[in-house]
C-alpha atoms as a PDB file:
ATOM      1  CA  MET A   1     -12.222 -45.746  23.113  1.00  0.00           C
ATOM      2  CA  LEU A   2     -12.855 -43.743  19.931  1.00  0.00           C
ATOM      3  CA  ILE A   3     -15.723 -44.916  17.546  1.00  0.00           C
ATOM      4  CA  LYS A   4     -16.239 -43.222  14.156  1.00  0.00           C
ATOM      5  CA  ILE A   5     -20.064 -42.798  13.185  1.00  0.00           C
ATOM      6  CA  TYR A   6     -21.258 -40.896  10.133  1.00  0.00           C
ATOM      7  CA  PRO A   7     -23.888 -38.336  10.905  1.00  0.00           C
ATOM      8  CA  GLU A   8     -25.728 -38.635   7.532  1.00  0.00           C
ATOM      9  CA  ASN A   9     -26.249 -42.355   8.136  1.00  0.00           C
ATOM     10  CA  PRO A  10     -25.367 -43.539  11.610  1.00  0.00           C
ATOM     11  CA  ASN A  11     -24.459 -47.212  11.603  1.00  0.00           C
ATOM     12  CA  PRO A  12     -27.290 -49.075  13.643  1.00  0.00           C
ATOM     13  CA  LYS A  13     -24.455 -51.476  15.209  1.00  0.00           C
ATOM     14  CA  ALA A  14     -22.365 -48.558  16.283  1.00  0.00           C
ATOM     15  CA  ILE A  15     -25.290 -46.892  17.819  1.00  0.00           C
ATOM     16  CA  GLU A  16     -26.170 -50.154  19.594  1.00  0.00           C
ATOM     17  CA  GLN A  17     -22.424 -50.318  20.863  1.00  0.00           C
ATOM     18  CA  VAL A  18     -22.883 -46.595  22.424  1.00  0.00           C
ATOM     19  CA  VAL A  19     -26.310 -47.533  23.762  1.00  0.00           C
ATOM     20  CA  ASP A  20     -24.937 -50.654  25.480  1.00  0.00           C
ATOM     21  CA  VAL A  21     -22.056 -48.486  27.084  1.00  0.00           C
ATOM     22  CA  LEU A  22     -24.672 -46.025  28.358  1.00  0.00           C
ATOM     23  CA  ARG A  23     -26.767 -49.001  29.819  1.00  0.00           C
ATOM     24  CA  LYS A  24     -23.899 -50.249  31.828  1.00  0.00           C
ATOM     25  CA  GLY A  25     -23.318 -46.755  33.368  1.00  0.00           C
ATOM     26  CA  GLY A  26     -20.754 -45.418  30.978  1.00  0.00           C
ATOM     27  CA  ILE A  27     -20.091 -41.748  30.027  1.00  0.00           C
ATOM     28  CA  LEU A  28     -19.577 -40.583  26.677  1.00  0.00           C
ATOM     29  CA  ILE A  29     -18.466 -37.607  24.634  1.00  0.00           C
ATOM     30  CA  TYR A  30     -20.811 -37.154  21.379  1.00  0.00           C
ATOM     31  CA  PRO A  31     -21.301 -34.724  18.623  1.00  0.00           C
ATOM     32  CA  THR A  32     -24.505 -32.565  18.242  1.00  0.00           C
ATOM     33  CA  ASP A  33     -25.587 -29.684  15.901  1.00  0.00           C
ATOM     34  CA  THR A  34     -23.386 -27.165  17.807  1.00  0.00           C
ATOM     35  CA  VAL A  35     -20.352 -28.293  20.251  1.00  0.00           C
ATOM     36  CA  TYR A  36     -19.407 -31.781  21.334  1.00  0.00           C
ATOM     37  CA  GLY A  37     -21.338 -32.814  24.391  1.00  0.00           C
ATOM     38  CA  LEU A  38     -20.419 -34.858  27.499  1.00  0.00           C
ATOM     39  CA  GLY A  39     -23.335 -37.176  28.457  1.00  0.00           C
ATOM     40  CA  CYS A  40     -24.749 -40.230  30.133  1.00  0.00           C
ATOM     41  CA  ASP A  41     -28.103 -41.924  30.670  1.00  0.00           C
ATOM     42  CA  ILE A  42     -30.179 -39.500  32.758  1.00  0.00           C
ATOM     43  CA  THR A  43     -31.516 -42.522  34.630  1.00  0.00           C
ATOM     44  CA  ASN A  44     -28.343 -43.639  36.026  1.00  0.00           C
ATOM     45  CA  HIS A  45     -27.280 -41.845  39.203  1.00  0.00           C
ATOM     46  CA  LYS A  46     -23.744 -43.060  39.510  1.00  0.00           C
ATOM     47  CA  ALA A  47     -23.018 -41.789  35.881  1.00  0.00           C
ATOM     48  CA  LEU A  48     -24.670 -38.396  36.346  1.00  0.00           C
ATOM     49  CA  GLU A  49     -22.460 -38.049  39.454  1.00  0.00           C
ATOM     50  CA  ARG A  50     -19.326 -38.848  37.099  1.00  0.00           C
ATOM     51  CA  VAL A  51     -20.289 -36.310  34.737  1.00  0.00           C
ATOM     52  CA  ALA A  52     -20.646 -33.710  37.530  1.00  0.00           C
ATOM     53  CA  GLN A  53     -17.416 -34.667  38.918  1.00  0.00           C
ATOM     54  CA  LEU A  54     -15.542 -34.333  35.721  1.00  0.00           C
ATOM     55  CA  ARG A  55     -17.014 -30.804  35.136  1.00  0.00           C
ATOM     56  CA  ARG A  56     -16.338 -30.058  38.845  1.00  0.00           C
ATOM     57  CA  ILE A  57     -19.700 -29.189  39.781  1.00  0.00           C
ATOM     58  CA  LYS A  58     -22.332 -30.576  42.228  1.00  0.00           C
ATOM     59  CA  PRO A  59     -25.105 -32.517  40.572  1.00  0.00           C
ATOM     60  CA  ASP A  60     -27.843 -30.373  42.376  1.00  0.00           C
ATOM     61  CA  LYS A  61     -26.203 -27.171  41.466  1.00  0.00           C
ATOM     62  CA  ALA A  62     -25.485 -28.023  37.983  1.00  0.00           C
ATOM     63  CA  ASN A  63     -27.390 -26.376  34.851  1.00  0.00           C
ATOM     64  CA  PHE A  64     -27.429 -29.669  32.762  1.00  0.00           C
ATOM     65  CA  SER A  65     -29.655 -29.985  30.089  1.00  0.00           C
ATOM     66  CA  PHE A  66     -30.701 -33.231  28.146  1.00  0.00           C
ATOM     67  CA  ILE A  67     -31.099 -34.466  24.619  1.00  0.00           C
ATOM     68  CA  CYS A  68     -34.509 -35.666  23.589  1.00  0.00           C
ATOM     69  CA  TYR A  69     -35.517 -37.460  20.284  1.00  0.00           C
ATOM     70  CA  ASP A  70     -38.555 -35.301  19.291  1.00  0.00           C
ATOM     71  CA  LEU A  71     -41.417 -33.169  20.747  1.00  0.00           C
ATOM     72  CA  SER A  72     -43.436 -35.972  22.132  1.00  0.00           C
ATOM     73  CA  HIS A  73     -40.402 -37.075  23.993  1.00  0.00           C
ATOM     74  CA  ILE A  74     -39.855 -33.570  25.640  1.00  0.00           C
ATOM     75  CA  SER A  75     -43.584 -33.755  26.991  1.00  0.00           C
ATOM     76  CA  ASP A  76     -42.684 -36.788  29.213  1.00  0.00           C
ATOM     77  CA  TYR A  77     -40.333 -34.341  31.151  1.00  0.00           C
ATOM     78  CA  ILE A  78     -41.997 -31.092  31.329  1.00  0.00           C
ATOM     79  CA  LYS A  79     -45.020 -29.340  32.686  1.00  0.00           C
ATOM     80  CA  PRO A  80     -47.638 -28.719  30.191  1.00  0.00           C
ATOM     81  CA  ILE A  81     -47.067 -26.023  27.817  1.00  0.00           C
ATOM     82  CA  ASP A  82     -49.473 -23.411  25.854  1.00  0.00           C
ATOM     83  CA  ASN A  83     -50.262 -23.962  22.076  1.00  0.00           C
ATOM     84  CA  ALA A  84     -47.954 -20.889  21.124  1.00  0.00           C
ATOM     85  CA  THR A  85     -44.942 -22.379  22.826  1.00  0.00           C
ATOM     86  CA  PHE A  86     -45.734 -25.582  21.309  1.00  0.00           C
ATOM     87  CA  ARG A  87     -45.930 -24.166  17.603  1.00  0.00           C
ATOM     88  CA  VAL A  88     -42.397 -22.175  18.122  1.00  0.00           C
ATOM     89  CA  LEU A  89     -40.791 -25.499  19.258  1.00  0.00           C
ATOM     90  CA  LYS A  90     -42.328 -27.458  16.469  1.00  0.00           C
ATOM     91  CA  LYS A  91     -40.820 -24.933  13.954  1.00  0.00           C
ATOM     92  CA  ALA A  92     -37.488 -24.530  15.884  1.00  0.00           C
ATOM     93  CA  LEU A  93     -36.592 -28.190  16.558  1.00  0.00           C
ATOM     94  CA  PRO A  94     -34.512 -29.996  15.715  1.00  0.00           C
ATOM     95  CA  GLY A  95     -32.187 -27.324  16.020  1.00  0.00           C
ATOM     96  CA  PRO A  96     -29.416 -25.507  17.770  1.00  0.00           C
ATOM     97  CA  PHE A  97     -31.449 -24.280  20.922  1.00  0.00           C
ATOM     98  CA  THR A  98     -31.749 -25.312  24.552  1.00  0.00           C
ATOM     99  CA  PHE A  99     -35.220 -24.555  25.910  1.00  0.00           C
ATOM    100  CA  ILE A 100     -35.566 -24.413  29.746  1.00  0.00           C
ATOM    101  CA  PHE A 101     -38.949 -25.432  31.160  1.00  0.00           C
ATOM    102  CA  ASN A 102     -40.656 -26.267  34.272  1.00  0.00           C
ATOM    103  CA  ALA A 103     -39.811 -29.913  35.046  1.00  0.00           C
ATOM    104  CA  ASN A 104     -42.355 -32.523  36.022  1.00  0.00           C
ATOM    105  CA  HIS A 105     -41.773 -35.330  38.359  1.00  0.00           C
ATOM    106  CA  ASN A 106     -40.131 -37.497  35.575  1.00  0.00           C
ATOM    107  CA  VAL A 107     -36.982 -35.524  35.728  1.00  0.00           C
ATOM    108  CA  PRO A 108     -34.450 -37.227  38.019  1.00  0.00           C
ATOM    109  CA  LYS A 109     -33.976 -35.732  41.545  1.00  0.00           C
ATOM    110  CA  LEU A 110     -30.554 -35.263  40.902  1.00  0.00           C
ATOM    111  CA  LEU A 111     -30.978 -33.211  37.704  1.00  0.00           C
ATOM    112  CA  SER A 112     -33.839 -30.913  39.012  1.00  0.00           C
ATOM    113  CA  SER A 113     -32.295 -28.362  41.450  1.00  0.00           C
ATOM    114  CA  ASN A 114     -34.325 -26.036  43.814  1.00  0.00           C
ATOM    115  CA  LYS A 115     -35.434 -24.208  40.629  1.00  0.00           C
ATOM    116  CA  LYS A 116     -37.241 -27.102  39.446  1.00  0.00           C
ATOM    117  CA  THR A 117     -36.431 -26.496  35.847  1.00  0.00           C
ATOM    118  CA  VAL A 118     -34.802 -28.352  32.976  1.00  0.00           C
ATOM    119  CA  GLY A 119     -33.278 -27.569  29.925  1.00  0.00           C
ATOM    120  CA  ILE A 120     -34.230 -29.363  26.924  1.00  0.00           C
ATOM    121  CA  ARG A 121     -32.398 -30.000  23.591  1.00  0.00           C
ATOM    122  CA  VAL A 122     -33.590 -31.833  20.225  1.00  0.00           C
ATOM    123  CA  PRO A 123     -30.446 -31.213  18.195  1.00  0.00           C
ATOM    124  CA  ASP A 124     -30.088 -31.569  14.437  1.00  0.00           C
ATOM    125  CA  ASN A 125     -27.781 -34.384  14.671  1.00  0.00           C
ATOM    126  CA  ASN A 126     -28.625 -37.820  13.658  1.00  0.00           C
ATOM    127  CA  ILE A 127     -26.061 -39.418  15.972  1.00  0.00           C
ATOM    128  CA  ALA A 128     -27.302 -38.102  18.992  1.00  0.00           C
ATOM    129  CA  ARG A 129     -31.118 -38.496  18.194  1.00  0.00           C
ATOM    130  CA  GLU A 130     -30.583 -42.031  17.265  1.00  0.00           C
ATOM    131  CA  ILE A 131     -28.863 -42.756  20.445  1.00  0.00           C
ATOM    132  CA  VAL A 132     -31.592 -41.360  22.531  1.00  0.00           C
ATOM    133  CA  ARG A 133     -34.160 -43.152  20.229  1.00  0.00           C
ATOM    134  CA  GLN A 134     -32.436 -46.418  20.834  1.00  0.00           C
ATOM    135  CA  LEU A 135     -31.790 -46.004  24.560  1.00  0.00           C
ATOM    136  CA  GLY A 136     -35.382 -45.054  25.306  1.00  0.00           C
ATOM    137  CA  ASN A 137     -34.660 -42.192  27.349  1.00  0.00           C
ATOM    138  CA  PRO A 138     -32.785 -38.764  27.219  1.00  0.00           C
ATOM    139  CA  ILE A 139     -29.011 -38.409  27.439  1.00  0.00           C
ATOM    140  CA  LEU A 140     -27.403 -35.739  29.611  1.00  0.00           C
ATOM    141  CA  SER A 141     -25.779 -32.746  27.687  1.00  0.00           C
ATOM    142  CA  THR A 142     -23.168 -30.562  29.040  1.00  0.00           C
ATOM    143  CA  SER A 143     -20.743 -28.891  26.570  1.00  0.00           C
ATOM    144  CA  ILE A 144     -17.095 -30.001  26.212  1.00  0.00           C
ATOM    145  CA  HIS A 145     -14.850 -26.905  27.078  1.00  0.00           C
ATOM    146  CA  ASP A 146     -11.393 -26.388  25.778  1.00  0.00           C
ATOM    147  CA  ASP A 147      -8.578 -25.238  28.031  1.00  0.00           C
ATOM    148  CA  ASP A 148      -7.430 -22.704  25.290  1.00  0.00           C
ATOM    149  CA  ASP A 149      -8.066 -19.194  26.365  1.00  0.00           C
ATOM    150  CA  ILE A 150      -9.185 -18.171  22.735  1.00  0.00           C
ATOM    151  CA  ILE A 151     -10.995 -21.351  21.584  1.00  0.00           C
ATOM    152  CA  GLU A 152     -13.653 -21.804  24.098  1.00  0.00           C
ATOM    153  CA  TYR A 153     -15.009 -25.303  22.864  1.00  0.00           C
ATOM    154  CA  SER A 154     -13.026 -28.476  21.517  1.00  0.00           C
ATOM    155  CA  THR A 155     -13.841 -29.172  17.881  1.00  0.00           C
ATOM    156  CA  ASP A 156     -11.413 -31.977  16.776  1.00  0.00           C
ATOM    157  CA  PRO A 157     -12.915 -35.360  18.005  1.00  0.00           C
ATOM    158  CA  GLU A 158      -9.272 -36.976  17.868  1.00  0.00           C
ATOM    159  CA  LEU A 159      -8.114 -34.150  20.246  1.00  0.00           C
ATOM    160  CA  ILE A 160     -10.846 -34.595  22.444  1.00  0.00           C
ATOM    161  CA  HIS A 161     -10.251 -38.328  22.535  1.00  0.00           C
ATOM    162  CA  GLU A 162      -6.750 -37.779  23.647  1.00  0.00           C
ATOM    163  CA  LYS A 163      -7.585 -35.576  26.358  1.00  0.00           C
ATOM    164  CA  TYR A 164     -10.312 -37.499  27.840  1.00  0.00           C
ATOM    165  CA  GLU A 165      -9.708 -41.044  26.923  1.00  0.00           C
ATOM    166  CA  ASP A 166      -8.846 -41.800  30.669  1.00  0.00           C
ATOM    167  CA  LYS A 167     -11.935 -39.823  31.874  1.00  0.00           C
ATOM    168  CA  VAL A 168     -14.711 -41.053  29.721  1.00  0.00           C
ATOM    169  CA  ASP A 169     -15.806 -44.727  28.502  1.00  0.00           C
ATOM    170  CA  LEU A 170     -16.309 -43.623  24.728  1.00  0.00           C
ATOM    171  CA  VAL A 171     -15.672 -40.831  22.424  1.00  0.00           C
ATOM    172  CA  ILE A 172     -17.736 -40.748  19.173  1.00  0.00           C
ATOM    173  CA  ASP A 173     -15.967 -39.112  16.275  1.00  0.00           C
ATOM    174  CA  GLY A 174     -18.928 -37.669  14.008  1.00  0.00           C
ATOM    175  CA  GLY A 175     -16.578 -35.228  12.367  1.00  0.00           C
ATOM    176  CA  TYR A 176     -15.436 -31.631  13.336  1.00  0.00           C
ATOM    177  CA  GLY A 177     -17.782 -30.074  15.862  1.00  0.00           C
ATOM    178  CA  GLY A 178     -18.691 -26.432  16.001  1.00  0.00           C
ATOM    179  CA  ASN A 179     -17.587 -23.772  18.536  1.00  0.00           C
ATOM    180  CA  ILE A 180     -20.699 -21.792  18.932  1.00  0.00           C
ATOM    181  CA  PRO A 181     -22.952 -23.356  21.502  1.00  0.00           C
ATOM    182  CA  SER A 182     -26.843 -23.408  21.208  1.00  0.00           C
ATOM    183  CA  THR A 183     -28.960 -20.483  22.150  1.00  0.00           C
ATOM    184  CA  VAL A 184     -30.656 -20.794  25.605  1.00  0.00           C
ATOM    185  CA  ILE A 185     -34.257 -19.848  25.968  1.00  0.00           C
ATOM    186  CA  ASP A 186     -36.129 -19.537  29.300  1.00  0.00           C
ATOM    187  CA  CYS A 187     -39.779 -20.486  28.702  1.00  0.00           C
ATOM    188  CA  THR A 188     -40.674 -21.052  32.357  1.00  0.00           C
ATOM    189  CA  SER A 189     -42.815 -17.940  32.469  1.00  0.00           C
ATOM    190  CA  GLY A 190     -44.699 -18.666  29.223  1.00  0.00           C
ATOM    191  CA  GLU A 191     -42.688 -15.958  27.560  1.00  0.00           C
ATOM    192  CA  PHE A 192     -39.277 -16.595  25.289  1.00  0.00           C
ATOM    193  CA  GLU A 193     -36.409 -14.965  27.041  1.00  0.00           C
ATOM    194  CA  VAL A 194     -33.004 -15.417  25.460  1.00  0.00           C
ATOM    195  CA  VAL A 195     -30.708 -16.277  28.259  1.00  0.00           C
ATOM    196  CA  ARG A 196     -27.581 -16.851  26.009  1.00  0.00           C
ATOM    197  CA  GLU A 197     -27.099 -15.917  22.337  1.00  0.00           C
ATOM    198  CA  GLY A 198     -25.636 -18.706  20.546  1.00  0.00           C
ATOM    199  CA  LYS A 199     -25.980 -20.383  17.283  1.00  0.00           C
ATOM    200  CA  GLY A 200     -29.763 -20.474  16.834  1.00  0.00           C
ATOM    201  CA  GLU A 201     -31.894 -17.384  15.800  1.00  0.00           C
ATOM    202  CA  LEU A 202     -35.296 -17.837  17.681  1.00  0.00           C
ATOM    203  CA  GLU A 203     -36.631 -14.694  15.835  1.00  0.00           C
ATOM    204  CA  MET A 204     -36.918 -16.790  12.621  1.00  0.00           C
ATOM    205  CA  TYR A 205     -39.562 -18.915  14.436  1.00  0.00           C
ATOM    206  CA  LEU A 206     -41.635 -16.428  16.255  1.00  0.00           C
END
């Protein structure tokens, strides 16, 4: 199923429809402020396993991150952080970053690997954030990769739907996606270590 939602002003009824799919254990493809993401409700183990299977990775080996609504939502899933880190997050989010933190016990066992860390995103995209707000907990986030050797990420929602309609329950058309992923920053040591350069420029917020 392909559903059109406008990012400037997401239709509440359409968001409800998406949330209903997630609550029933469905998996979906949705827009973010970077590339299109593949995800599900992080509290649904069967859905998490389906996503891992689709990406051909074992759930406990996967570096999945998840989408939160805001900063207070993040604190539910990570170990306490210092004020300096919090100030940077407050300036940088919502934005095109994935921050890696030490996970607390609220993170589903399937998602916290032996490293006991978790990647957190608050994308600057109203569709993704409204889904999370109405659902009441984060959704999983892993990028949709393209089979093309030159284009790494799929950007056209209609083409994404053609490719994945038999594999996922819902594809959201939120307009063309980007093809530059989020910048990944490891905060587990108390420092900001850029693990992957992407769309976000952290220097602006330090």
